């Protein structure tokens, strides 16, 4: 049985997690950019020094969290694609897809929900699709 649909959905999810990882990198770059931080202070004069420190800390923590989750989701999805290729271990691949999609969406506090949906659908299809039975 060909598993092309599951593989395509997983690749779309991987691309989505790649964009999410790029967003995490942008957050880390913005955290270290003094010019942008100075612009934020100038645009919001009511923001105190403590608020700015909180913003910088949030960018750092959030950027690393999103980047790590995206990289792990990409790696696990690629492993699941190799498991499903040739219809070798569809149940194992389905478990990896489902766990990756749910954890990716929950840990990133919803940022990973759109790529997670594609991977979740691929995981569900791994469980639902059965090989064709030959009628004798």
N, C-alpha and C. Protein backbone atom coordinates (compact mmCIF):
# COMPACT_ATOMS: atom_id res chain seq x y z
N UNK A 1 0.84 -1.17 0.00
CA UNK A 1 0.00 0.00 0.00
C UNK A 1 0.89 1.24 0.00
N UNK A 2 0.55 2.17 -0.85
CA UNK A 2 1.30 3.41 -0.92
C UNK A 2 0.85 4.34 0.18
N UNK A 3 1.77 5.01 0.78
CA UNK A 3 1.49 5.96 1.87
C UNK A 3 1.88 7.38 1.45
N UNK A 4 1.59 7.71 0.21
CA UNK A 4 1.97 9.00 -0.34
C UNK A 4 1.28 10.15 0.38
N UNK A 5 0.01 10.01 0.69
CA UNK A 5 -0.74 11.09 1.33
C UNK A 5 -0.15 11.41 2.70
N UNK A 6 0.16 10.38 3.47
CA UNK A 6 0.74 10.60 4.79
C UNK A 6 2.10 11.29 4.69
N UNK A 7 2.89 10.88 3.71
CA UNK A 7 4.21 11.48 3.54
C UNK A 7 4.09 12.93 3.13
N UNK A 8 3.17 13.24 2.22
CA UNK A 8 2.97 14.63 1.79
C UNK A 8 2.50 15.50 2.95
N UNK A 9 1.54 15.00 3.73
CA UNK A 9 1.07 15.76 4.89
C UNK A 9 2.20 15.98 5.90
N UNK A 10 3.02 14.98 6.10
CA UNK A 10 4.15 15.12 7.03
C UNK A 10 5.15 16.15 6.51
N UNK A 11 5.39 16.16 5.21
CA UNK A 11 6.33 17.14 4.64
C UNK A 11 5.77 18.55 4.79
N UNK A 12 4.47 18.73 4.59
CA UNK A 12 3.86 20.05 4.81
C UNK A 12 4.02 20.46 6.27
N UNK A 13 3.81 19.52 7.19
CA UNK A 13 4.02 19.81 8.60
C UNK A 13 5.46 20.16 8.92
N UNK A 14 6.40 19.44 8.28
CA UNK A 14 7.82 19.74 8.49
C UNK A 14 8.14 21.14 8.01
N UNK A 15 7.60 21.53 6.86
CA UNK A 15 7.83 22.89 6.36
C UNK A 15 7.25 23.93 7.33
N UNK A 16 6.07 23.63 7.89
CA UNK A 16 5.47 24.53 8.87
C UNK A 16 6.33 24.66 10.12
N UNK A 17 6.86 23.54 10.60
CA UNK A 17 7.75 23.60 11.76
C UNK A 17 9.06 24.29 11.40
N UNK A 18 9.49 24.20 10.14
CA UNK A 18 10.66 24.95 9.70
C UNK A 18 10.43 26.45 9.78
N UNK A 19 9.24 26.89 9.36
CA UNK A 19 8.90 28.31 9.49
C UNK A 19 8.83 28.72 10.96
N UNK A 20 8.30 27.84 11.79
CA UNK A 20 8.22 28.12 13.22
C UNK A 20 9.62 28.24 13.82
N UNK A 21 10.53 27.37 13.40
CA UNK A 21 11.91 27.46 13.86
C UNK A 21 12.57 28.75 13.40
N UNK A 22 12.27 29.18 12.18
CA UNK A 22 12.80 30.46 11.70
C UNK A 22 12.27 31.62 12.53
N UNK A 23 11.00 31.53 12.95
CA UNK A 23 10.42 32.54 13.83
C UNK A 23 11.16 32.57 15.16
N UNK A 24 11.53 31.41 15.68
CA UNK A 24 12.30 31.35 16.92
C UNK A 24 13.67 32.00 16.76
N UNK A 25 14.31 31.78 15.62
CA UNK A 25 15.61 32.40 15.36
C UNK A 25 15.46 33.92 15.28
N UNK A 26 14.39 34.39 14.63
CA UNK A 26 14.15 35.83 14.54
C UNK A 26 13.96 36.42 15.94
N UNK A 27 13.25 35.71 16.80
CA UNK A 27 13.08 36.19 18.18
C UNK A 27 14.43 36.31 18.89
N UNK A 28 15.31 35.34 18.67
CA UNK A 28 16.63 35.40 19.30
C UNK A 28 17.47 36.54 18.73
N UNK A 29 17.34 36.79 17.44
CA UNK A 29 18.09 37.89 16.82
C UNK A 29 17.56 39.23 17.33
N UNK A 30 16.24 39.36 17.45
CA UNK A 30 15.65 40.61 17.94
C UNK A 30 16.06 40.87 19.39
N UNK A 31 16.25 39.83 20.15
CA UNK A 31 16.63 39.99 21.54
C UNK A 31 18.00 40.66 21.66
N UNK A 32 18.89 40.40 20.73
CA UNK A 32 20.24 40.95 20.78
C UNK A 32 20.42 42.22 19.96
N UNK A 33 19.36 42.72 19.33
CA UNK A 33 19.46 43.90 18.47
C UNK A 33 19.15 45.15 19.29
N UNK A 34 20.19 45.92 19.60
CA UNK A 34 20.04 47.11 20.44
C UNK A 34 19.21 48.19 19.75
N UNK A 35 19.32 48.32 18.43
CA UNK A 35 18.59 49.38 17.71
C UNK A 35 17.08 49.15 17.82
N UNK A 36 16.64 47.93 17.67
CA UNK A 36 15.21 47.63 17.76
C UNK A 36 14.72 47.83 19.18
N UNK A 37 15.51 47.42 20.16
CA UNK A 37 15.12 47.63 21.55
C UNK A 37 15.03 49.12 21.88
N UNK A 38 15.95 49.91 21.32
CA UNK A 38 15.90 51.37 21.52
C UNK A 38 14.65 51.96 20.88
N UNK A 39 14.27 51.47 19.70
CA UNK A 39 13.04 51.93 19.05
C UNK A 39 11.82 51.60 19.89
N UNK A 40 11.81 50.43 20.51
CA UNK A 40 10.68 50.05 21.37
C UNK A 40 10.58 51.00 22.55
N UNK A 41 11.72 51.34 23.14
CA UNK A 41 11.72 52.25 24.29
C UNK A 41 11.24 53.64 23.86
N UNK A 42 11.66 54.10 22.67
CA UNK A 42 11.25 55.43 22.20
C UNK A 42 9.76 55.47 21.86
N UNK A 43 9.21 54.39 21.32
CA UNK A 43 7.80 54.38 20.94
C UNK A 43 6.88 54.24 22.13
N UNK A 44 7.34 53.62 23.18
CA UNK A 44 6.52 53.44 24.38
C UNK A 44 7.28 54.00 25.58
N UNK A 45 7.18 55.33 25.77
CA UNK A 45 7.95 55.94 26.87
C UNK A 45 7.48 55.49 28.26
N UNK A 46 6.24 55.00 28.37
CA UNK A 46 5.76 54.56 29.67
C UNK A 46 6.35 53.21 30.08
N UNK A 47 7.06 52.56 29.16
CA UNK A 47 7.69 51.28 29.48
C UNK A 47 8.92 51.53 30.33
N UNK A 48 8.96 50.91 31.47
CA UNK A 48 10.10 51.08 32.37
C UNK A 48 11.22 50.12 32.04
N UNK A 49 12.30 50.27 32.78
CA UNK A 49 13.46 49.41 32.57
C UNK A 49 13.14 47.96 32.92
N UNK A 50 12.32 47.76 33.94
CA UNK A 50 11.92 46.40 34.33
C UNK A 50 11.09 45.74 33.24
N UNK A 51 10.21 46.53 32.61
CA UNK A 51 9.39 45.98 31.52
C UNK A 51 10.26 45.58 30.33
N UNK A 52 11.27 46.39 30.05
CA UNK A 52 12.17 46.08 28.94
C UNK A 52 12.97 44.81 29.23
N UNK A 53 13.42 44.67 30.47
CA UNK A 53 14.14 43.45 30.84
C UNK A 53 13.25 42.22 30.71
N UNK A 54 11.98 42.37 31.09
CA UNK A 54 11.02 41.27 30.96
C UNK A 54 10.81 40.91 29.49
N UNK A 55 10.73 41.92 28.63
CA UNK A 55 10.57 41.69 27.19
C UNK A 55 11.78 40.96 26.62
N UNK A 56 12.96 41.39 26.99
CA UNK A 56 14.18 40.75 26.48
C UNK A 56 14.26 39.30 26.96
N UNK A 57 13.94 39.07 28.23
CA UNK A 57 13.97 37.71 28.77
C UNK A 57 12.93 36.82 28.09
N UNK A 58 11.75 37.39 27.82
CA UNK A 58 10.70 36.64 27.13
C UNK A 58 11.10 36.28 25.71
N UNK A 59 11.75 37.20 25.01
CA UNK A 59 12.21 36.91 23.65
C UNK A 59 13.25 35.79 23.67
N UNK A 60 14.14 35.84 24.64
CA UNK A 60 15.18 34.82 24.72
C UNK A 60 14.59 33.44 25.03
N UNK A 61 13.78 33.37 26.08
CA UNK A 61 13.20 32.09 26.48
C UNK A 61 12.27 31.55 25.40
N UNK A 62 11.39 32.40 24.89
CA UNK A 62 10.44 31.98 23.86
C UNK A 62 11.13 31.56 22.58
N UNK A 63 12.16 32.29 22.19
CA UNK A 63 12.88 31.96 20.97
C UNK A 63 13.56 30.60 21.06
N UNK A 64 14.23 30.35 22.19
CA UNK A 64 14.88 29.05 22.35
C UNK A 64 13.86 27.92 22.43
N UNK A 65 12.77 28.14 23.14
CA UNK A 65 11.75 27.11 23.28
C UNK A 65 11.16 26.74 21.92
N UNK A 66 10.77 27.75 21.16
CA UNK A 66 10.18 27.50 19.84
C UNK A 66 11.18 26.83 18.91
N UNK A 67 12.43 27.28 18.95
CA UNK A 67 13.45 26.70 18.07
C UNK A 67 13.71 25.23 18.42
N UNK A 68 13.83 24.91 19.69
CA UNK A 68 14.10 23.53 20.10
C UNK A 68 12.93 22.61 19.75
N UNK A 69 11.71 23.06 20.03
CA UNK A 69 10.53 22.24 19.72
C UNK A 69 10.42 22.02 18.21
N UNK A 70 10.68 23.06 17.42
CA UNK A 70 10.59 22.92 15.96
C UNK A 70 11.63 21.93 15.44
N UNK A 71 12.84 22.01 15.93
CA UNK A 71 13.89 21.09 15.47
C UNK A 71 13.55 19.65 15.86
N UNK A 72 13.10 19.45 17.10
CA UNK A 72 12.72 18.09 17.53
C UNK A 72 11.54 17.55 16.71
N UNK A 73 10.56 18.41 16.43
CA UNK A 73 9.41 17.97 15.63
C UNK A 73 9.83 17.59 14.22
N UNK A 74 10.75 18.35 13.65
CA UNK A 74 11.24 18.03 12.31
C UNK A 74 11.98 16.69 12.31
N UNK A 75 12.84 16.48 13.30
CA UNK A 75 13.61 15.23 13.37
C UNK A 75 12.67 14.04 13.57
N UNK A 76 11.73 14.15 14.50
CA UNK A 76 10.80 13.04 14.74
C UNK A 76 9.92 12.76 13.53
N UNK A 77 9.52 13.81 12.82
CA UNK A 77 8.69 13.61 11.63
C UNK A 77 9.47 12.91 10.52
N UNK A 78 10.74 13.25 10.38
CA UNK A 78 11.57 12.59 9.37
C UNK A 78 11.75 11.11 9.73
N UNK A 79 11.96 10.83 11.02
CA UNK A 79 12.07 9.43 11.46
C UNK A 79 10.78 8.68 11.14
N UNK A 80 9.63 9.31 11.40
CA UNK A 80 8.35 8.66 11.13
C UNK A 80 8.15 8.44 9.63
N UNK A 81 8.62 9.37 8.81
CA UNK A 81 8.50 9.19 7.36
C UNK A 81 9.30 7.96 6.92
N UNK A 82 10.50 7.79 7.48
CA UNK A 82 11.29 6.60 7.13
C UNK A 82 10.63 5.32 7.62
N UNK A 83 9.93 5.40 8.75
CA UNK A 83 9.22 4.22 9.25
C UNK A 83 8.03 3.86 8.37
N UNK A 84 7.39 4.86 7.81
CA UNK A 84 6.18 4.60 7.02
C UNK A 84 6.52 4.28 5.56
N UNK A 85 7.69 4.68 5.11
CA UNK A 85 8.09 4.45 3.72
C UNK A 85 8.08 2.95 3.44
N UNK A 86 7.38 2.57 2.41
CA UNK A 86 7.27 1.16 2.05
C UNK A 86 6.31 0.40 2.93
N UNK A 87 5.52 1.11 3.71
CA UNK A 87 4.50 0.52 4.59
C UNK A 87 5.13 -0.46 5.59
N UNK A 88 6.32 -0.10 6.12
CA UNK A 88 7.03 -0.99 7.03
C UNK A 88 6.41 -1.01 8.42
N UNK A 89 6.32 0.16 9.04
CA UNK A 89 5.81 0.26 10.41
C UNK A 89 4.82 1.42 10.52
N UNK A 90 3.63 1.30 9.94
CA UNK A 90 2.70 2.43 9.97
C UNK A 90 2.19 2.76 11.37
N UNK A 91 2.05 1.78 12.24
CA UNK A 91 1.55 2.06 13.60
C UNK A 91 2.58 2.86 14.40
N UNK A 92 3.85 2.48 14.29
CA UNK A 92 4.90 3.21 14.99
C UNK A 92 5.00 4.64 14.47
N UNK A 93 4.92 4.79 13.16
CA UNK A 93 4.97 6.13 12.56
C UNK A 93 3.77 6.95 13.01
N UNK A 94 2.60 6.32 13.09
CA UNK A 94 1.40 7.03 13.54
C UNK A 94 1.54 7.52 14.97
N UNK A 95 2.11 6.70 15.84
CA UNK A 95 2.32 7.12 17.23
C UNK A 95 3.27 8.30 17.29
N UNK A 96 4.35 8.23 16.53
CA UNK A 96 5.31 9.34 16.52
C UNK A 96 4.65 10.61 15.99
N UNK A 97 3.88 10.50 14.91
CA UNK A 97 3.20 11.66 14.35
C UNK A 97 2.24 12.29 15.36
N UNK A 98 1.42 11.48 16.00
CA UNK A 98 0.41 12.00 16.93
C UNK A 98 1.07 12.66 18.14
N UNK A 99 2.06 11.99 18.72
CA UNK A 99 2.74 12.56 19.90
C UNK A 99 3.47 13.84 19.53
N UNK A 100 4.13 13.85 18.38
CA UNK A 100 4.85 15.05 17.94
C UNK A 100 3.91 16.22 17.73
N UNK A 101 2.78 15.98 17.10
CA UNK A 101 1.85 17.08 16.81
C UNK A 101 1.23 17.64 18.08
N UNK A 102 0.84 16.76 19.00
CA UNK A 102 0.20 17.24 20.23
C UNK A 102 1.21 17.98 21.10
N UNK A 103 2.38 17.39 21.31
CA UNK A 103 3.38 18.06 22.14
C UNK A 103 3.87 19.35 21.50
N UNK A 104 4.02 19.36 20.18
CA UNK A 104 4.47 20.57 19.50
C UNK A 104 3.49 21.72 19.65
N UNK A 105 2.20 21.42 19.62
CA UNK A 105 1.19 22.47 19.77
C UNK A 105 1.08 22.92 21.22
N UNK A 106 1.18 21.99 22.16
CA UNK A 106 1.01 22.35 23.57
C UNK A 106 2.24 23.09 24.11
N UNK A 107 3.43 22.59 23.83
CA UNK A 107 4.64 23.20 24.39
C UNK A 107 4.86 24.61 23.83
N UNK A 108 4.54 24.84 22.57
CA UNK A 108 4.72 26.17 21.99
C UNK A 108 3.53 27.08 22.27
N UNK A 109 2.64 26.67 23.10
CA UNK A 109 1.46 27.44 23.51
C UNK A 109 0.65 27.87 22.30
N UNK A 110 0.44 26.95 21.38
CA UNK A 110 -0.42 27.20 20.23
C UNK A 110 0.27 27.66 18.98
N UNK A 111 1.55 28.06 19.06
CA UNK A 111 2.23 28.50 17.85
C UNK A 111 2.42 27.35 16.86
N UNK A 112 2.54 26.13 17.36
CA UNK A 112 2.77 24.98 16.49
C UNK A 112 1.51 24.24 16.11
N UNK A 113 0.35 24.90 16.22
CA UNK A 113 -0.90 24.18 15.97
C UNK A 113 -1.12 23.91 14.48
N UNK A 114 -0.76 24.84 13.61
CA UNK A 114 -1.03 24.63 12.18
C UNK A 114 -0.14 23.53 11.59
N UNK A 115 1.17 23.54 11.81
CA UNK A 115 1.93 22.38 11.32
C UNK A 115 1.55 21.10 12.05
N UNK A 116 1.17 21.23 13.31
CA UNK A 116 0.76 20.07 14.08
C UNK A 116 -0.49 19.41 13.54
N UNK A 117 -1.40 20.20 12.98
CA UNK A 117 -2.62 19.64 12.40
C UNK A 117 -2.29 18.72 11.23
N UNK A 118 -1.36 19.15 10.37
CA UNK A 118 -0.98 18.31 9.23
C UNK A 118 -0.35 17.01 9.69
N UNK A 119 0.52 17.11 10.68
CA UNK A 119 1.18 15.90 11.18
C UNK A 119 0.18 15.01 11.92
N UNK A 120 -0.76 15.61 12.63
CA UNK A 120 -1.78 14.82 13.32
C UNK A 120 -2.65 14.05 12.33
N UNK A 121 -3.04 14.70 11.24
CA UNK A 121 -3.84 14.02 10.21
C UNK A 121 -3.04 12.86 9.61
N UNK A 122 -1.74 13.07 9.37
CA UNK A 122 -0.91 11.99 8.84
C UNK A 122 -0.85 10.83 9.84
N UNK A 123 -0.76 11.15 11.12
CA UNK A 123 -0.73 10.11 12.14
C UNK A 123 -2.02 9.33 12.22
N UNK A 124 -3.14 10.03 12.15
CA UNK A 124 -4.44 9.35 12.19
C UNK A 124 -4.61 8.46 10.97
N UNK A 125 -4.16 8.94 9.81
CA UNK A 125 -4.26 8.13 8.60
C UNK A 125 -3.39 6.87 8.69
N UNK A 126 -2.29 6.95 9.41
CA UNK A 126 -1.46 5.75 9.60
C UNK A 126 -2.23 4.67 10.35
N UNK A 127 -3.08 5.08 11.29
CA UNK A 127 -3.87 4.11 12.05
C UNK A 127 -5.07 3.61 11.28
N UNK A 128 -5.71 4.48 10.50
CA UNK A 128 -6.99 4.17 9.89
C UNK A 128 -6.85 3.36 8.61
N UNK A 129 -5.90 3.71 7.77
CA UNK A 129 -5.79 3.03 6.47
C UNK A 129 -5.28 1.61 6.64
N UNK A 130 -5.97 0.71 6.02
CA UNK A 130 -5.61 -0.71 6.06
C UNK A 130 -5.24 -1.16 4.66
N UNK A 131 -4.37 -2.15 4.54
CA UNK A 131 -4.04 -2.66 3.20
C UNK A 131 -5.25 -3.31 2.55
N UNK A 132 -5.31 -3.23 1.25
CA UNK A 132 -6.44 -3.79 0.50
C UNK A 132 -6.46 -5.31 0.64
N UNK A 133 -7.65 -5.85 0.86
CA UNK A 133 -7.83 -7.30 0.97
C UNK A 133 -8.16 -7.87 -0.41
N UNK A 134 -7.49 -8.91 -0.79
CA UNK A 134 -7.78 -9.55 -2.07
C UNK A 134 -8.97 -10.49 -1.91
N UNK A 135 -9.93 -10.36 -2.81
CA UNK A 135 -11.11 -11.23 -2.78
C UNK A 135 -10.79 -12.49 -3.57
N UNK A 136 -11.02 -13.63 -2.96
CA UNK A 136 -10.69 -14.89 -3.64
C UNK A 136 -11.92 -15.65 -4.00
